Amino acid sequence: MMGKNRTFTAYQLKWIAIITMTVDHFGVIVLLPFAQTETISTLYLISRLIGRIAFPLFGFMIAEGMYRTKQPLKYLGRLGFMAVLIGVAMWFLEQMNIQTLSGNIFIDLSMAASSMYFFKHKKLPYRILALLPITYVLITSLLNPFPNYISADYGFYGLLMMLLFYISYQNLPGFILKLNSFYSQSMDVMLEQKRYQSASVIFIIMHILWYIISVVLNEGLNLSGIFPNYLNRFIGAQTYAMFAAYFIYHYKGEKGNTPKWFQGFSYLYYPLHFIVLFAVYYFINL
């Protein structure tokens, strides 16, 4: 449906994330080495801006998955397996002096999901354990000696974004509704409708504040150091990630007609699409 009634299913969001990720990596792997001309340089920039939509959608679906899954440990196991698989592949490629990614994206996803798992428990000891994956991401993101294959790609930025997704649509809509003196059980329908709207708004606010802080640090205080430099890494093009809020806002919690093969495909696609893109690059470069 179009217009005001436009909605997206989880299946559709995952495809949008996959396609925009592929466009982004096509720019990095295939276009960037040939970006000496204005045309290729412009295409490269466009591909990177389109690609900013991918990670927020992947991160949002991790929050959604951990919120709804009845088998959280199995969910975490799949993410952890992929983190190890990608990490080993990155290490192997580096031994062959082949440049790899700046970080292991499945470290981001598995650490955020682990923190959500512990945070979901009501008992305080479990919630304290949620600090362990958060601490790991912070250490590997801010300290250079850690190899990229065991480090989070988006670091604290990605972790914060995913945790805000999880917390905002898990707790915020219900808190707002219960402040209403006319609250009743019948308003629970409104809760489901507001859940993803609140997540999209919090997502936009995060990026606006992140951008303001970077401007203050760069132009106002002119600070240097680990944290200011880390902030600068995700300013600029990453601001365009805010456009992902449109898709999250119009998501209503429906799974969609997801074929059985898609789950395995969505995990395997990440390493396989790199193989294809590198093959395209080497073919063009012959």
Protein backbone atom coordinates (compact mmCIF):
# COMPACT_ATOMS: atom_id res chain seq x y z
CA MET A 1 0.00 0.00 0.00
CA MET A 2 1.20 3.48 -0.75
CA GLY A 3 0.75 6.93 0.71
CA LYS A 4 -0.22 7.36 4.36
CA ASN A 5 -0.86 3.63 4.79
CA ARG A 6 2.58 2.55 3.56
CA THR A 7 4.01 -0.19 5.80
CA PHE A 8 7.06 -2.44 5.73
CA THR A 9 7.41 -6.01 6.97
CA ALA A 10 10.52 -7.46 8.60
CA TYR A 11 11.19 -9.41 5.40
CA GLN A 12 11.11 -6.20 3.35
CA LEU A 13 13.35 -4.31 5.80
CA LYS A 14 15.95 -7.07 5.62
CA TRP A 15 15.98 -6.91 1.83
CA ILE A 16 16.34 -3.12 1.92
CA ALA A 17 19.26 -3.53 4.33
CA ILE A 18 20.89 -6.19 2.13
CA ILE A 19 20.53 -4.15 -1.06
CA THR A 20 21.80 -0.88 0.44
CA MET A 21 24.71 -2.74 2.09
CA THR A 22 25.64 -4.23 -1.28
CA VAL A 23 25.54 -0.81 -2.94
CA ASP A 24 27.76 0.56 -0.16
CA HIS A 25 30.35 -2.22 -0.47
CA PHE A 26 30.25 -2.03 -4.27
CA GLY A 27 31.36 1.58 -3.86
CA VAL A 28 34.18 0.70 -1.47
CA ILE A 29 35.53 -2.36 -3.31
CA VAL A 30 34.81 -1.68 -6.98
CA LEU A 31 34.44 2.09 -7.42
CA LEU A 32 36.91 3.58 -4.92
CA PRO A 33 40.09 2.24 -6.59
CA PHE A 34 38.99 3.98 -9.82
CA ALA A 35 37.66 7.19 -8.24
CA GLN A 36 40.25 9.44 -9.90
CA THR A 37 37.65 10.73 -12.36
CA GLU A 38 34.80 13.01 -11.34
CA THR A 39 32.10 10.61 -12.58
CA ILE A 40 33.40 7.58 -10.66
CA SER A 41 34.08 9.74 -7.61
CA THR A 42 30.47 10.97 -7.66
CA LEU A 43 29.12 7.44 -8.07
CA TYR A 44 31.31 6.32 -5.17
CA LEU A 45 29.94 9.09 -2.94
CA ILE A 46 26.35 8.23 -3.89
CA SER A 47 26.92 4.56 -3.14
CA ARG A 48 28.31 5.38 0.32
CA LEU A 49 25.40 7.67 1.14
CA ILE A 50 22.88 5.01 0.08
CA GLY A 51 24.81 2.50 2.16
CA ARG A 52 24.30 4.51 5.36
CA ILE A 53 20.76 3.09 5.50
CA ALA A 54 21.93 -0.52 5.82
CA PHE A 55 23.47 -0.76 9.29
CA PRO A 56 20.63 1.00 11.15
CA LEU A 57 18.15 -1.44 9.60
CA PHE A 58 20.30 -4.44 10.49
CA GLY A 59 20.71 -3.06 14.01
CA PHE A 60 16.99 -2.42 14.33
CA MET A 61 16.18 -5.98 13.28
CA ILE A 62 18.62 -7.28 15.91
CA ALA A 63 16.71 -5.32 18.56
CA GLU A 64 13.42 -6.56 17.14
CA GLY A 65 14.70 -10.13 17.01
CA MET A 66 15.93 -10.14 20.60
CA TYR A 67 12.68 -8.57 21.77
CA ARG A 68 10.45 -11.14 20.08
CA THR A 69 12.48 -14.36 19.94
CA LYS A 70 11.47 -17.28 22.15
CA GLN A 71 14.95 -18.80 21.76
CA PRO A 72 17.37 -15.95 22.57
CA LEU A 73 20.35 -18.24 23.19
CA LYS A 74 19.92 -19.86 19.78
CA TYR A 75 19.68 -16.38 18.24
CA LEU A 76 22.86 -15.33 20.05
CA GLY A 77 24.56 -18.55 18.96
CA ARG A 78 23.99 -17.79 15.27
CA LEU A 79 25.39 -14.29 15.66
CA GLY A 80 28.37 -15.55 17.65
CA PHE A 81 29.12 -18.23 15.06
CA MET A 82 29.11 -15.62 12.29
CA ALA A 83 31.38 -13.34 14.36
CA VAL A 84 33.91 -16.17 14.68
CA LEU A 85 33.58 -17.18 11.00
CA ILE A 86 34.08 -13.63 9.72
CA GLY A 87 36.90 -13.02 12.20
CA VAL A 88 38.80 -16.12 11.06
CA ALA A 89 38.30 -15.14 7.40
CA MET A 90 39.61 -11.62 8.08
CA TRP A 91 42.63 -12.99 9.94
CA PHE A 92 43.40 -15.44 7.14
CA LEU A 93 43.21 -12.71 4.49
CA GLU A 94 45.50 -10.45 6.51
CA GLN A 95 48.11 -13.23 6.67
CA MET A 96 48.06 -13.08 2.86
CA ASN A 97 48.54 -9.27 3.00
CA ILE A 98 45.04 -8.69 1.67
CA GLN A 99 43.41 -5.59 3.14
CA THR A 100 40.21 -6.39 5.02
CA LEU A 101 37.45 -4.47 6.78
CA SER A 102 38.03 -1.95 9.57
CA GLY A 103 36.09 -4.18 11.97
CA ASN A 104 33.99 -7.31 12.32
CA ILE A 105 30.34 -6.27 11.94
CA PHE A 106 29.12 -9.44 13.64
CA ILE A 107 31.02 -8.38 16.75
CA ASP A 108 28.76 -5.30 16.78
CA LEU A 109 25.62 -7.37 16.33
CA SER A 110 26.49 -10.18 18.76
CA MET A 111 27.70 -7.84 21.52
CA ALA A 112 24.58 -5.68 21.25
CA ALA A 113 22.34 -8.75 21.26
CA SER A 114 24.19 -10.13 24.31
CA SER A 115 23.68 -6.88 26.18
CA MET A 116 19.97 -6.93 25.26
CA TYR A 117 19.70 -10.53 26.50
CA PHE A 118 21.04 -9.65 29.95
CA PHE A 119 19.17 -6.36 30.11
CA LYS A 120 15.91 -8.17 29.38
CA HIS A 121 16.11 -9.96 32.73
CA LYS A 122 14.48 -8.17 35.66
CA LYS A 123 17.03 -9.38 38.22
CA LEU A 124 19.85 -6.91 38.90
CA PRO A 125 22.79 -9.40 38.60
CA TYR A 126 21.75 -10.20 35.03
CA ARG A 127 21.44 -6.53 34.17
CA ILE A 128 24.91 -5.89 35.53
CA LEU A 129 26.24 -8.56 33.16
CA ALA A 130 24.92 -6.41 30.30
CA LEU A 131 27.88 -4.12 30.98
CA LEU A 132 30.38 -6.79 29.90
CA PRO A 133 29.67 -6.68 26.13
CA ILE A 134 29.35 -2.89 26.36
CA THR A 135 32.78 -2.67 27.99
CA TYR A 136 34.28 -4.98 25.37
CA VAL A 137 33.01 -2.82 22.51
CA LEU A 138 34.28 0.35 24.17
CA ILE A 139 37.76 -1.09 24.77
CA THR A 140 38.20 -2.53 21.28
CA SER A 141 36.79 0.63 19.66
CA LEU A 142 38.86 3.22 21.50
CA LEU A 143 42.17 1.38 21.80
CA ASN A 144 44.12 0.88 18.57
CA PRO A 145 46.17 -2.23 19.49
CA PHE A 146 43.15 -4.53 19.10
CA PRO A 147 43.07 -6.35 15.72
CA ASN A 148 40.15 -5.45 13.49
CA TYR A 149 38.92 -9.05 13.24
CA ILE A 150 38.01 -9.08 16.95
CA SER A 151 36.86 -5.46 17.07
CA ALA A 152 33.43 -3.95 16.45
CA ASP A 153 33.15 -2.19 13.09
CA TYR A 154 30.83 0.63 14.20
CA GLY A 155 31.97 0.47 17.81
CA PHE A 156 30.26 2.53 20.46
CA TYR A 157 28.18 4.33 17.85
CA GLY A 158 26.62 1.09 16.62
CA LEU A 159 26.17 -0.35 20.11
CA LEU A 160 24.49 2.80 21.39
CA MET A 161 22.17 2.90 18.40
CA MET A 162 21.04 -0.71 18.81
CA LEU A 163 20.55 -0.43 22.57
CA LEU A 164 18.51 2.74 22.11
CA PHE A 165 16.32 0.89 19.60
CA TYR A 166 15.77 -1.90 22.09
CA ILE A 167 15.15 0.28 25.12
CA SER A 168 13.05 2.92 23.36
CA TYR A 169 10.47 0.66 21.81
CA GLN A 170 10.48 -1.79 24.70
CA ASN A 171 9.90 0.67 27.53
CA LEU A 172 9.19 4.18 26.27
CA PRO A 173 5.74 3.74 24.63
CA GLY A 174 4.32 1.94 27.68
CA PHE A 175 5.76 4.55 30.03
CA ILE A 176 4.16 7.37 28.03
CA LEU A 177 0.78 5.64 27.85
CA LYS A 178 0.71 4.90 31.57
CA LEU A 179 1.28 8.56 32.32
CA ASN A 180 -2.13 9.08 30.73
CA SER A 181 -4.77 9.22 33.49
CA PHE A 182 -7.26 7.56 31.13
CA TYR A 183 -5.02 4.54 30.55
CA SER A 184 -6.81 1.23 30.09
CA GLN A 185 -6.01 -2.21 28.71
CA SER A 186 -7.69 -1.26 25.45
CA MET A 187 -4.86 1.21 24.87
CA ASP A 188 -2.43 -1.66 24.45
CA VAL A 189 -3.24 -1.57 20.74
CA MET A 190 -1.87 1.95 20.67
CA LEU A 191 1.27 0.69 22.38
CA GLU A 192 2.14 -1.57 19.44
CA GLN A 193 1.52 1.28 17.00
CA LYS A 194 3.71 3.70 18.96
CA ARG A 195 6.56 1.24 19.53
CA TYR A 196 8.35 1.73 16.23
CA GLN A 197 7.45 5.39 15.95
CA SER A 198 9.27 6.05 19.21
CA ALA A 199 12.27 4.02 18.00
CA SER A 200 12.52 6.10 14.83
CA VAL A 201 12.28 9.38 16.76
CA ILE A 202 14.96 8.33 19.28
CA PHE A 203 17.14 7.25 16.35
CA ILE A 204 16.88 10.70 14.74
CA ILE A 205 17.51 12.50 18.05
CA MET A 206 20.65 10.41 18.61
CA HIS A 207 22.10 11.44 15.25
CA ILE A 208 21.24 15.10 15.72
CA LEU A 209 22.91 15.16 19.16
CA TRP A 210 25.90 13.21 17.83
CA TYR A 211 26.33 15.76 15.04
CA ILE A 212 25.98 18.75 17.42
CA ILE A 213 28.58 17.29 19.78
CA SER A 214 31.01 16.83 16.90
CA VAL A 215 30.53 20.43 15.76
CA VAL A 216 31.15 21.71 19.30
CA LEU A 217 34.28 19.60 19.64
CA ASN A 218 35.65 20.59 16.24
CA GLU A 219 34.73 24.25 15.97
CA GLY A 220 34.01 25.29 19.52
CA LEU A 221 36.33 23.53 21.93
CA ASN A 222 38.80 22.27 19.33
CA LEU A 223 39.64 19.21 21.42
CA SER A 224 41.80 16.27 20.45
CA GLY A 225 42.11 12.81 21.90
CA ILE A 226 40.60 9.34 21.67
CA PHE A 227 36.93 10.24 22.22
CA PRO A 228 36.78 13.36 19.98
CA ASN A 229 38.62 11.50 17.22
CA TYR A 230 36.24 8.56 17.57
CA LEU A 231 33.23 10.86 17.29
CA ASN A 232 34.62 12.37 14.11
CA ARG A 233 34.79 8.92 12.51
CA PHE A 234 30.98 8.72 12.40
CA ILE A 235 30.12 12.28 11.46
CA GLY A 236 29.49 13.55 7.96
CA ALA A 237 28.25 10.80 5.68
CA GLN A 238 26.96 8.78 8.66
CA THR A 239 24.44 11.54 9.32
CA TYR A 240 22.56 10.26 6.27
CA ALA A 241 21.75 7.13 8.28
CA MET A 242 18.82 9.15 9.60
CA PHE A 243 16.92 8.30 6.42
CA ALA A 244 16.55 4.76 7.78
CA ALA A 245 14.08 6.24 10.27
CA TYR A 246 11.47 6.37 7.50
CA PHE A 247 11.47 2.59 7.14
CA ILE A 248 11.47 2.00 10.89
CA TYR A 249 8.61 4.43 11.41
CA HIS A 250 6.48 2.56 8.88
CA TYR A 251 7.32 -0.87 10.26
CA LYS A 252 4.41 -2.40 12.20
CA GLY A 253 5.95 -5.56 13.64
CA GLU A 254 4.77 -7.91 10.89
CA LYS A 255 7.12 -10.69 9.82
CA GLY A 256 5.90 -10.86 6.25
CA ASN A 257 5.90 -13.84 3.91
CA THR A 258 9.46 -14.95 4.65
CA PRO A 259 10.55 -18.09 2.74
CA LYS A 260 12.31 -20.81 4.75
CA TRP A 261 15.58 -20.39 2.85
CA PHE A 262 15.90 -16.71 3.65
CA GLN A 263 17.32 -17.01 7.18
CA GLY A 264 20.30 -19.04 6.02
CA PHE A 265 20.70 -16.85 2.96
CA SER A 266 20.73 -13.64 5.02
CA TYR A 267 23.67 -14.92 7.09
CA LEU A 268 25.64 -16.45 4.22
CA TYR A 269 25.11 -13.46 1.96
CA TYR A 270 27.48 -11.28 3.98
CA PRO A 271 30.68 -13.25 3.26
CA LEU A 272 29.53 -14.37 -0.20
CA HIS A 273 28.81 -10.87 -1.50
CA PHE A 274 32.37 -9.82 -0.61
CA ILE A 275 33.75 -12.71 -2.65
CA VAL A 276 31.65 -11.65 -5.65
CA LEU A 277 32.56 -7.97 -5.34
CA PHE A 278 36.29 -8.70 -5.05
CA ALA A 279 35.99 -10.96 -8.11
CA VAL A 280 34.36 -8.10 -10.03
CA TYR A 281 37.14 -5.73 -8.95
CA TYR A 282 39.93 -8.10 -10.02
CA PHE A 283 38.16 -8.82 -13.32
CA ILE A 284 37.92 -5.08 -14.11
CA ASN A 285 41.51 -4.56 -13.00
CA LEU A 286 42.94 -7.23 -15.34
